[in-house]
Amino acid sequence: MDQPAKTWSFDVAVEHGPNRTRAQIVLHTPEGHEFSGVGLAHRAAHARIAGYLALGRAMSDLTEELVEAATTELEDEAGRAWST
C-alpha cells in the first residue's frame, strides 16, 4: 500500500418510539462525501434488541448505497475511457 490510510467516520442515531425503533447511520468520507442508511424495527421486543435490528437494517441500506455509488463511478469511468 503506497498511500497513507485515510480515516472515514460514522455517526449513528437510534430513536426509540412507542411502536418502532429507527436507526440512521451516516458515513463521512475524507473527501467530504456522505452516505447514509436508515433501518426500522417494530418495538415488540426489548428496546435493545429493536435497536440492534434497526441498526443492522440501516447498515444494510448503507451497503446498498455504497455499492450503487461505486457502480455509478465505474460506469462513468468506463464511459470516459471509451469516448477518448
PDB file of N, CA and C in Angstrom:
ATOM      1  N   MET A   1       0.843  -1.169   0.000  1.00  0.00           N
ATOM      2  CA  MET A   1       0.000   0.000   0.000  1.00  0.00           C
ATOM      3  C   MET A   1       0.890   1.235   0.000  1.00  0.00           C
ATOM      4  N   ASP A   2       0.743   2.005  -1.051  1.00  0.00           N
ATOM      5  CA  ASP A   2       1.611   3.164  -1.220  1.00  0.00           C
ATOM      6  C   ASP A   2       1.039   4.443  -0.626  1.00  0.00           C
ATOM      7  N   GLN A   3      -0.267   4.497  -0.441  1.00  0.00           N
ATOM      8  CA  GLN A   3      -0.894   5.719   0.059  1.00  0.00           C
ATOM      9  C   GLN A   3      -1.149   5.595   1.563  1.00  0.00           C
ATOM     10  N   PRO A   4      -1.032   6.722   2.268  1.00  0.00           N
ATOM     11  CA  PRO A   4      -1.330   6.666   3.709  1.00  0.00           C
ATOM     12  C   PRO A   4      -2.816   6.384   3.941  1.00  0.00           C
ATOM     13  N   ALA A   5      -3.111   5.791   5.065  1.00  0.00           N
ATOM     14  CA  ALA A   5      -4.502   5.475   5.414  1.00  0.00           C
ATOM     15  C   ALA A   5      -5.298   6.757   5.617  1.00  0.00           C
ATOM     16  N   LYS A   6      -6.554   6.724   5.185  1.00  0.00           N
ATOM     17  CA  LYS A   6      -7.463   7.847   5.400  1.00  0.00           C
ATOM     18  C   LYS A   6      -8.556   7.388   6.355  1.00  0.00           C
ATOM     19  N   THR A   7      -8.980   8.287   7.205  1.00  0.00           N
ATOM     20  CA  THR A   7      -9.990   7.951   8.200  1.00  0.00           C
ATOM     21  C   THR A   7     -11.383   8.302   7.691  1.00  0.00           C
ATOM     22  N   TRP A   8     -12.262   7.324   7.745  1.00  0.00           N
ATOM     23  CA  TRP A   8     -13.681   7.521   7.451  1.00  0.00           C
ATOM     24  C   TRP A   8     -14.387   7.457   8.805  1.00  0.00           C
ATOM     25  N   SER A   9     -15.455   8.220   8.975  1.00  0.00           N
ATOM     26  CA  SER A   9     -16.143   8.199  10.271  1.00  0.00           C
ATOM     27  C   SER A   9     -17.642   7.965  10.081  1.00  0.00           C
ATOM     28  N   PHE A  10     -18.260   7.466  11.157  1.00  0.00           N
ATOM     29  CA  PHE A  10     -19.685   7.184  11.177  1.00  0.00           C
ATOM     30  C   PHE A  10     -20.372   8.003  12.257  1.00  0.00           C
ATOM     31  N   ASP A  11     -21.587   8.435  11.979  1.00  0.00           N
ATOM     32  CA  ASP A  11     -22.490   8.946  13.008  1.00  0.00           C
ATOM     33  C   ASP A  11     -23.656   7.978  13.062  1.00  0.00           C
ATOM     34  N   VAL A  12     -24.038   7.573  14.250  1.00  0.00           N
ATOM     35  CA  VAL A  12     -25.143   6.631  14.425  1.00  0.00           C
ATOM     36  C   VAL A  12     -26.155   7.231  15.383  1.00  0.00           C
ATOM     37  N   ALA A  13     -27.429   7.178  14.977  1.00  0.00           N
ATOM     38  CA  ALA A  13     -28.515   7.647  15.841  1.00  0.00           C
ATOM     39  C   ALA A  13     -29.575   6.557  15.912  1.00  0.00           C
ATOM     40  N   VAL A  14     -30.025   6.254  17.113  1.00  0.00           N
ATOM     41  CA  VAL A  14     -31.103   5.276  17.319  1.00  0.00           C
ATOM     42  C   VAL A  14     -32.184   5.962  18.133  1.00  0.00           C
ATOM     43  N   GLU A  15     -33.392   5.980  17.593  1.00  0.00           N
ATOM     44  CA  GLU A  15     -34.533   6.617  18.255  1.00  0.00           C
ATOM     45  C   GLU A  15     -35.581   5.556  18.562  1.00  0.00           C
ATOM     46  N   HIS A  16     -35.969   5.478  19.824  1.00  0.00           N
ATOM     47  CA  HIS A  16     -36.991   4.516  20.241  1.00  0.00           C
ATOM     48  C   HIS A  16     -38.320   5.249  20.416  1.00  0.00           C
ATOM     49  N   GLY A  17     -39.311   4.862  19.623  1.00  0.00           N
ATOM     50  CA  GLY A  17     -40.653   5.398  19.764  1.00  0.00           C
ATOM     51  C   GLY A  17     -41.536   4.376  20.441  1.00  0.00           C
ATOM     52  N   PRO A  18     -42.806   4.693  20.619  1.00  0.00           N
ATOM     53  CA  PRO A  18     -43.696   3.754  21.302  1.00  0.00           C
ATOM     54  C   PRO A  18     -43.941   2.466  20.514  1.00  0.00           C
ATOM     55  N   ASN A  19     -43.910   2.547  19.170  1.00  0.00           N
ATOM     56  CA  ASN A  19     -44.223   1.374  18.354  1.00  0.00           C
ATOM     57  C   ASN A  19     -43.081   0.906  17.460  1.00  0.00           C
ATOM     58  N   ARG A  20     -42.074   1.735  17.307  1.00  0.00           N
ATOM     59  CA  ARG A  20     -40.981   1.351  16.425  1.00  0.00           C
ATOM     60  C   ARG A  20     -39.673   1.996  16.877  1.00  0.00           C
ATOM     61  N   THR A  21     -38.601   1.403  16.376  1.00  0.00           N
ATOM     62  CA  THR A  21     -37.264   1.948  16.592  1.00  0.00           C
ATOM     63  C   THR A  21     -36.697   2.291  15.225  1.00  0.00           C
ATOM     64  N   ARG A  22     -36.073   3.463  15.146  1.00  0.00           N
ATOM     65  CA  ARG A  22     -35.488   3.929  13.889  1.00  0.00           C
ATOM     66  C   ARG A  22     -33.996   4.175  14.119  1.00  0.00           C
ATOM     67  N   ALA A  23     -33.187   3.661  13.205  1.00  0.00           N
ATOM     68  CA  ALA A  23     -31.748   3.891  13.270  1.00  0.00           C
ATOM     69  C   ALA A  23     -31.293   4.532  11.972  1.00  0.00           C
ATOM     70  N   GLN A  24     -30.340   5.445  12.096  1.00  0.00           N
ATOM     71  CA  GLN A  24     -29.720   6.054  10.925  1.00  0.00           C
ATOM     72  C   GLN A  24     -28.215   6.039  11.135  1.00  0.00           C
ATOM     73  N   ILE A  25     -27.509   5.658  10.084  1.00  0.00           N
ATOM     74  CA  ILE A  25     -26.054   5.666  10.109  1.00  0.00           C
ATOM     75  C   ILE A  25     -25.585   6.526   8.945  1.00  0.00           C
ATOM     76  N   VAL A  26     -24.664   7.436   9.221  1.00  0.00           N
ATOM     77  CA  VAL A  26     -24.123   8.322   8.193  1.00  0.00           C
ATOM     78  C   VAL A  26     -22.617   8.104   8.136  1.00  0.00           C
ATOM     79  N   LEU A  27     -22.130   7.824   6.937  1.00  0.00           N
ATOM     80  CA  LEU A  27     -20.703   7.617   6.707  1.00  0.00           C
ATOM     81  C   LEU A  27     -20.126   8.886   6.088  1.00  0.00           C
ATOM     82  N   HIS A  28     -19.044   9.390   6.674  1.00  0.00           N
ATOM     83  CA  HIS A  28     -18.361  10.585   6.182  1.00  0.00           C
ATOM     84  C   HIS A  28     -17.017  10.153   5.592  1.00  0.00           C
ATOM     85  N   THR A  29     -16.780  10.517   4.317  1.00  0.00           N
ATOM     86  CA  THR A  29     -15.510  10.171   3.682  1.00  0.00           C
ATOM     87  C   THR A  29     -14.507  11.307   3.877  1.00  0.00           C
ATOM     88  N   PRO A  30     -13.229  11.028   3.741  1.00  0.00           N
ATOM     89  CA  PRO A  30     -12.221  12.083   3.876  1.00  0.00           C
ATOM     90  C   PRO A  30     -12.385  13.194   2.831  1.00  0.00           C
ATOM     91  N   GLU A  31     -12.997  12.858   1.690  1.00  0.00           N
ATOM     92  CA  GLU A  31     -13.196  13.838   0.622  1.00  0.00           C
ATOM     93  C   GLU A  31     -14.436  14.698   0.841  1.00  0.00           C
ATOM     94  N   GLY A  32     -15.185  14.443   1.912  1.00  0.00           N
ATOM     95  CA  GLY A  32     -16.360  15.240   2.227  1.00  0.00           C
ATOM     96  C   GLY A  32     -17.680  14.683   1.725  1.00  0.00           C
ATOM     97  N   HIS A  33     -17.675  13.484   1.167  1.00  0.00           N
ATOM     98  CA  HIS A  33     -18.926  12.857   0.743  1.00  0.00           C
ATOM     99  C   HIS A  33     -19.627  12.232   1.947  1.00  0.00           C
ATOM    100  N   GLU A  34     -20.928  12.127   1.859  1.00  0.00           N
ATOM    101  CA  GLU A  34     -21.715  11.462   2.903  1.00  0.00           C
ATOM    102  C   GLU A  34     -22.617  10.421   2.266  1.00  0.00           C
ATOM    103  N   PHE A  35     -22.715   9.296   2.922  1.00  0.00           N
ATOM    104  CA  PHE A  35     -23.627   8.231   2.535  1.00  0.00           C
ATOM    105  C   PHE A  35     -24.425   7.879   3.782  1.00  0.00           C
ATOM    106  N   SER A  36     -25.704   7.539   3.602  1.00  0.00           N
ATOM    107  CA  SER A  36     -26.491   7.219   4.789  1.00  0.00           C
ATOM    108  C   SER A  36     -27.402   6.030   4.540  1.00  0.00           C
ATOM    109  N   GLY A  37     -27.770   5.391   5.639  1.00  0.00           N
ATOM    110  CA  GLY A  37     -28.706   4.285   5.610  1.00  0.00           C
ATOM    111  C   GLY A  37     -29.668   4.414   6.772  1.00  0.00           C
ATOM    112  N   VAL A  38     -30.888   3.949   6.551  1.00  0.00           N
ATOM    113  CA  VAL A  38     -31.935   4.012   7.571  1.00  0.00           C
ATOM    114  C   VAL A  38     -32.522   2.620   7.747  1.00  0.00           C
ATOM    115  N   GLY A  39     -32.826   2.262   8.974  1.00  0.00           N
ATOM    116  CA  GLY A  39     -33.456   0.985   9.258  1.00  0.00           C
ATOM    117  C   GLY A  39     -34.519   1.142  10.337  1.00  0.00           C
ATOM    118  N   LEU A  40     -35.567   0.349  10.216  1.00  0.00           N
ATOM    119  CA  LEU A  40     -36.677   0.378  11.176  1.00  0.00           C
ATOM    120  C   LEU A  40     -36.886  -1.003  11.768  1.00  0.00           C
ATOM    121  N   ALA A  41     -37.432  -1.029  12.971  1.00  0.00           N
ATOM    122  CA  ALA A  41     -37.804  -2.287  13.618  1.00  0.00           C
ATOM    123  C   ALA A  41     -39.045  -2.036  14.467  1.00  0.00           C
ATOM    124  N   HIS A  42     -39.944  -3.005  14.469  1.00  0.00           N
ATOM    125  CA  HIS A  42     -41.103  -2.909  15.357  1.00  0.00           C
ATOM    126  C   HIS A  42     -40.624  -3.003  16.790  1.00  0.00           C
ATOM    127  N   ARG A  43     -41.297  -2.341  17.663  1.00  0.00           N
ATOM    128  CA  ARG A  43     -40.876  -2.258  19.061  1.00  0.00           C
ATOM    129  C   ARG A  43     -41.554  -3.343  19.906  1.00  0.00           C
ATOM    130  N   ALA A  44     -41.841  -4.490  19.318  1.00  0.00           N
ATOM    131  CA  ALA A  44     -42.456  -5.580  20.075  1.00  0.00           C
ATOM    132  C   ALA A  44     -41.456  -6.206  21.051  1.00  0.00           C
ATOM    133  N   ALA A  45     -40.192  -6.159  20.683  1.00  0.00           N
ATOM    134  CA  ALA A  45     -39.157  -6.754  21.525  1.00  0.00           C
ATOM    135  C   ALA A  45     -38.597  -5.695  22.477  1.00  0.00           C
ATOM    136  N   HIS A  46     -37.597  -6.078  23.226  1.00  0.00           N
ATOM    137  CA  HIS A  46     -36.906  -5.135  24.105  1.00  0.00           C
ATOM    138  C   HIS A  46     -36.279  -4.026  23.274  1.00  0.00           C
ATOM    139  N   ALA A  47     -36.128  -2.860  23.842  1.00  0.00           N
ATOM    140  CA  ALA A  47     -35.557  -1.713  23.139  1.00  0.00           C
ATOM    141  C   ALA A  47     -34.173  -2.033  22.590  1.00  0.00           C
ATOM    142  N   ARG A  48     -33.359  -2.732  23.354  1.00  0.00           N
ATOM    143  CA  ARG A  48     -32.007  -3.054  22.914  1.00  0.00           C
ATOM    144  C   ARG A  48     -32.038  -3.939  21.668  1.00  0.00           C
ATOM    145  N   ILE A  49     -32.885  -4.942  21.673  1.00  0.00           N
ATOM    146  CA  ILE A  49     -32.978  -5.850  20.531  1.00  0.00           C
ATOM    147  C   ILE A  49     -33.519  -5.116  19.310  1.00  0.00           C
ATOM    148  N   ALA A  50     -34.530  -4.288  19.496  1.00  0.00           N
ATOM    149  CA  ALA A  50     -35.065  -3.493  18.390  1.00  0.00           C
ATOM    150  C   ALA A  50     -33.994  -2.560  17.845  1.00  0.00           C
ATOM    151  N   GLY A  51     -33.164  -2.006  18.713  1.00  0.00           N
ATOM    152  CA  GLY A  51     -32.065  -1.147  18.276  1.00  0.00           C
ATOM    153  C   GLY A  51     -31.054  -1.897  17.429  1.00  0.00           C
ATOM    154  N   TYR A  52     -30.699  -3.109  17.857  1.00  0.00           N
ATOM    155  CA  TYR A  52     -29.775  -3.929  17.076  1.00  0.00           C
ATOM    156  C   TYR A  52     -30.346  -4.197  15.689  1.00  0.00           C
ATOM    157  N   LEU A  53     -31.609  -4.575  15.648  1.00  0.00           N
ATOM    158  CA  LEU A  53     -32.249  -4.914  14.381  1.00  0.00           C
ATOM    159  C   LEU A  53     -32.346  -3.686  13.467  1.00  0.00           C
ATOM    160  N   ALA A  54     -32.769  -2.569  14.015  1.00  0.00           N
ATOM    161  CA  ALA A  54     -32.880  -1.346  13.211  1.00  0.00           C
ATOM    162  C   ALA A  54     -31.515  -0.909  12.699  1.00  0.00           C
ATOM    163  N   LEU A  55     -30.486  -1.002  13.536  1.00  0.00           N
ATOM    164  CA  LEU A  55     -29.148  -0.606  13.106  1.00  0.00           C
ATOM    165  C   LEU A  55     -28.602  -1.567  12.048  1.00  0.00           C
ATOM    166  N   GLY A  56     -28.854  -2.841  12.200  1.00  0.00           N
ATOM    167  CA  GLY A  56     -28.443  -3.813  11.179  1.00  0.00           C
ATOM    168  C   GLY A  56     -29.092  -3.506   9.844  1.00  0.00           C
ATOM    169  N   ARG A  57     -30.364  -3.140   9.876  1.00  0.00           N
ATOM    170  CA  ARG A  57     -31.064  -2.775   8.636  1.00  0.00           C
ATOM    171  C   ARG A  57     -30.518  -1.475   8.059  1.00  0.00           C
ATOM    172  N   ALA A  58     -30.154  -0.531   8.909  1.00  0.00           N
ATOM    173  CA  ALA A  58     -29.560   0.721   8.431  1.00  0.00           C
ATOM    174  C   ALA A  58     -28.203   0.449   7.773  1.00  0.00           C
ATOM    175  N   MET A  59     -27.427  -0.454   8.348  1.00  0.00           N
ATOM    176  CA  MET A  59     -26.127  -0.801   7.767  1.00  0.00           C
ATOM    177  C   MET A  59     -26.311  -1.490   6.415  1.00  0.00           C
ATOM    178  N   SER A  60     -27.312  -2.322   6.300  1.00  0.00           N
ATOM    179  CA  SER A  60     -27.605  -2.970   5.028  1.00  0.00           C
ATOM    180  C   SER A  60     -28.002  -1.930   3.980  1.00  0.00           C
ATOM    181  N   ASP A  61     -28.817  -0.963   4.381  1.00  0.00           N
ATOM    182  CA  ASP A  61     -29.224   0.111   3.487  1.00  0.00           C
ATOM    183  C   ASP A  61     -28.004   0.928   3.050  1.00  0.00           C
ATOM    184  N   LEU A  62     -27.106   1.213   3.979  1.00  0.00           N
ATOM    185  CA  LEU A  62     -25.880   1.941   3.676  1.00  0.00           C
ATOM    186  C   LEU A  62     -25.016   1.148   2.692  1.00  0.00           C
ATOM    187  N   THR A  63     -24.922  -0.152   2.882  1.00  0.00           N
ATOM    188  CA  THR A  63     -24.151  -1.008   1.980  1.00  0.00           C
ATOM    189  C   THR A  63     -24.674  -0.898   0.558  1.00  0.00           C
ATOM    190  N   GLU A  64     -25.983  -0.950   0.398  1.00  0.00           N
ATOM    191  CA  GLU A  64     -26.579  -0.823  -0.938  1.00  0.00           C
ATOM    192  C   GLU A  64     -26.233   0.521  -1.561  1.00  0.00           C
ATOM    193  N   GLU A  65     -26.262   1.586  -0.774  1.00  0.00           N
ATOM    194  CA  GLU A  65     -25.945   2.914  -1.294  1.00  0.00           C
ATOM    195  C   GLU A  65     -24.480   2.992  -1.741  1.00  0.00           C
ATOM    196  N   LEU A  66     -23.573   2.413  -0.962  1.00  0.00           N
ATOM    197  CA  LEU A  66     -22.156   2.425  -1.332  1.00  0.00           C
ATOM    198  C   LEU A  66     -21.896   1.623  -2.604  1.00  0.00           C
ATOM    199  N   VAL A  67     -22.510   0.465  -2.727  1.00  0.00           N
ATOM    200  CA  VAL A  67     -22.329  -0.357  -3.929  1.00  0.00           C
ATOM    201  C   VAL A  67     -22.882   0.376  -5.149  1.00  0.00           C
ATOM    202  N   GLU A  68     -24.019   1.025  -4.996  1.00  0.00           N
ATOM    203  CA  GLU A  68     -24.604   1.784  -6.095  1.00  0.00           C
ATOM    204  C   GLU A  68     -23.684   2.940  -6.506  1.00  0.00           C
ATOM    205  N   ALA A  69     -23.118   3.643  -5.546  1.00  0.00           N
ATOM    206  CA  ALA A  69     -22.210   4.751  -5.846  1.00  0.00           C
ATOM    207  C   ALA A  69     -20.958   4.242  -6.569  1.00  0.00           C
ATOM    208  N   ALA A  70     -20.413   3.129  -6.111  1.00  0.00           N
ATOM    209  CA  ALA A  70     -19.224   2.557  -6.756  1.00  0.00           C
ATOM    210  C   ALA A  70     -19.545   2.131  -8.184  1.00  0.00           C
ATOM    211  N   THR A  71     -20.697   1.507  -8.385  1.00  0.00           N
ATOM    212  CA  THR A  71     -21.106   1.073  -9.718  1.00  0.00           C
ATOM    213  C   THR A  71     -21.256   2.263 -10.659  1.00  0.00           C
ATOM    214  N   THR A  72     -21.882   3.320 -10.170  1.00  0.00           N
ATOM    215  CA  THR A  72     -22.059   4.524 -10.985  1.00  0.00           C
ATOM    216  C   THR A  72     -20.719   5.123 -11.373  1.00  0.00           C
ATOM    217  N   GLU A  73     -19.795   5.214 -10.424  1.00  0.00           N
ATOM    218  CA  GLU A  73     -18.481   5.778 -10.734  1.00  0.00           C
ATOM    219  C   GLU A  73     -17.707   4.899 -11.713  1.00  0.00           C
ATOM    220  N   LEU A  74     -17.815   3.589 -11.561  1.00  0.00           N
ATOM    221  CA  LEU A  74     -17.141   2.684 -12.504  1.00  0.00           C
ATOM    222  C   LEU A  74     -17.718   2.824 -13.911  1.00  0.00           C
ATOM    223  N   GLU A  75     -19.036   2.932 -14.012  1.00  0.00           N
ATOM    224  CA  GLU A  75     -19.674   3.109 -15.313  1.00  0.00           C
ATOM    225  C   GLU A  75     -19.256   4.435 -15.941  1.00  0.00           C
ATOM    226  N   ASP A  76     -19.168   5.489 -15.130  1.00  0.00           N
ATOM    227  CA  ASP A  76     -18.711   6.793 -15.628  1.00  0.00           C
ATOM    228  C   ASP A  76     -17.278   6.706 -16.144  1.00  0.00           C
ATOM    229  N   GLU A  77     -16.406   6.040 -15.396  1.00  0.00           N
ATOM    230  CA  GLU A  77     -15.011   5.892 -15.809  1.00  0.00           C
ATOM    231  C   GLU A  77     -14.916   5.096 -17.104  1.00  0.00           C
ATOM    232  N   ALA A  78     -15.696   4.018 -17.215  1.00  0.00           N
ATOM    233  CA  ALA A  78     -15.673   3.197 -18.430  1.00  0.00           C
ATOM    234  C   ALA A  78     -16.167   4.015 -19.615  1.00  0.00           C
ATOM    235  N   GLY A  79     -17.185   4.842 -19.409  1.00  0.00           N
ATOM    236  CA  GLY A  79     -17.701   5.685 -20.491  1.00  0.00           C
ATOM    237  C   GLY A  79     -16.671   6.687 -20.958  1.00  0.00           C
ATOM    238  N   ARG A  80     -15.921   7.270 -20.040  1.00  0.00           N
ATOM    239  CA  ARG A  80     -14.880   8.230 -20.405  1.00  0.00           C
ATOM    240  C   ARG A  80     -13.750   7.520 -21.174  1.00  0.00           C
ATOM    241  N   ALA A  81     -13.430   6.298 -20.767  1.00  0.00           N
ATOM    242  CA  ALA A  81     -12.365   5.570 -21.437  1.00  0.00           C
ATOM    243  C   ALA A  81     -12.751   5.246 -22.880  1.00  0.00           C
ATOM    244  N   TRP A  82     -14.016   4.923 -23.113  1.00  0.00           N
ATOM    245  CA  TRP A  82     -14.478   4.589 -24.453  1.00  0.00           C
ATOM    246  C   TRP A  82     -14.625   5.820 -25.336  1.00  0.00           C
ATOM    247  N   SER A  83     -14.858   6.977 -24.744  1.00  0.00           N
ATOM    248  CA  SER A  83     -15.090   8.171 -25.558  1.00  0.00           C
ATOM    249  C   SER A  83     -13.809   8.892 -25.944  1.00  0.00           C
ATOM    250  N   THR A  84     -12.668   8.505 -25.395  1.00  0.00           N
ATOM    251  CA  THR A  84     -11.411   9.192 -25.736  1.00  0.00           C
ATOM    252  C   THR A  84     -10.674   8.489 -26.841  1.00  0.00           C
TER     253      THR A  84
END
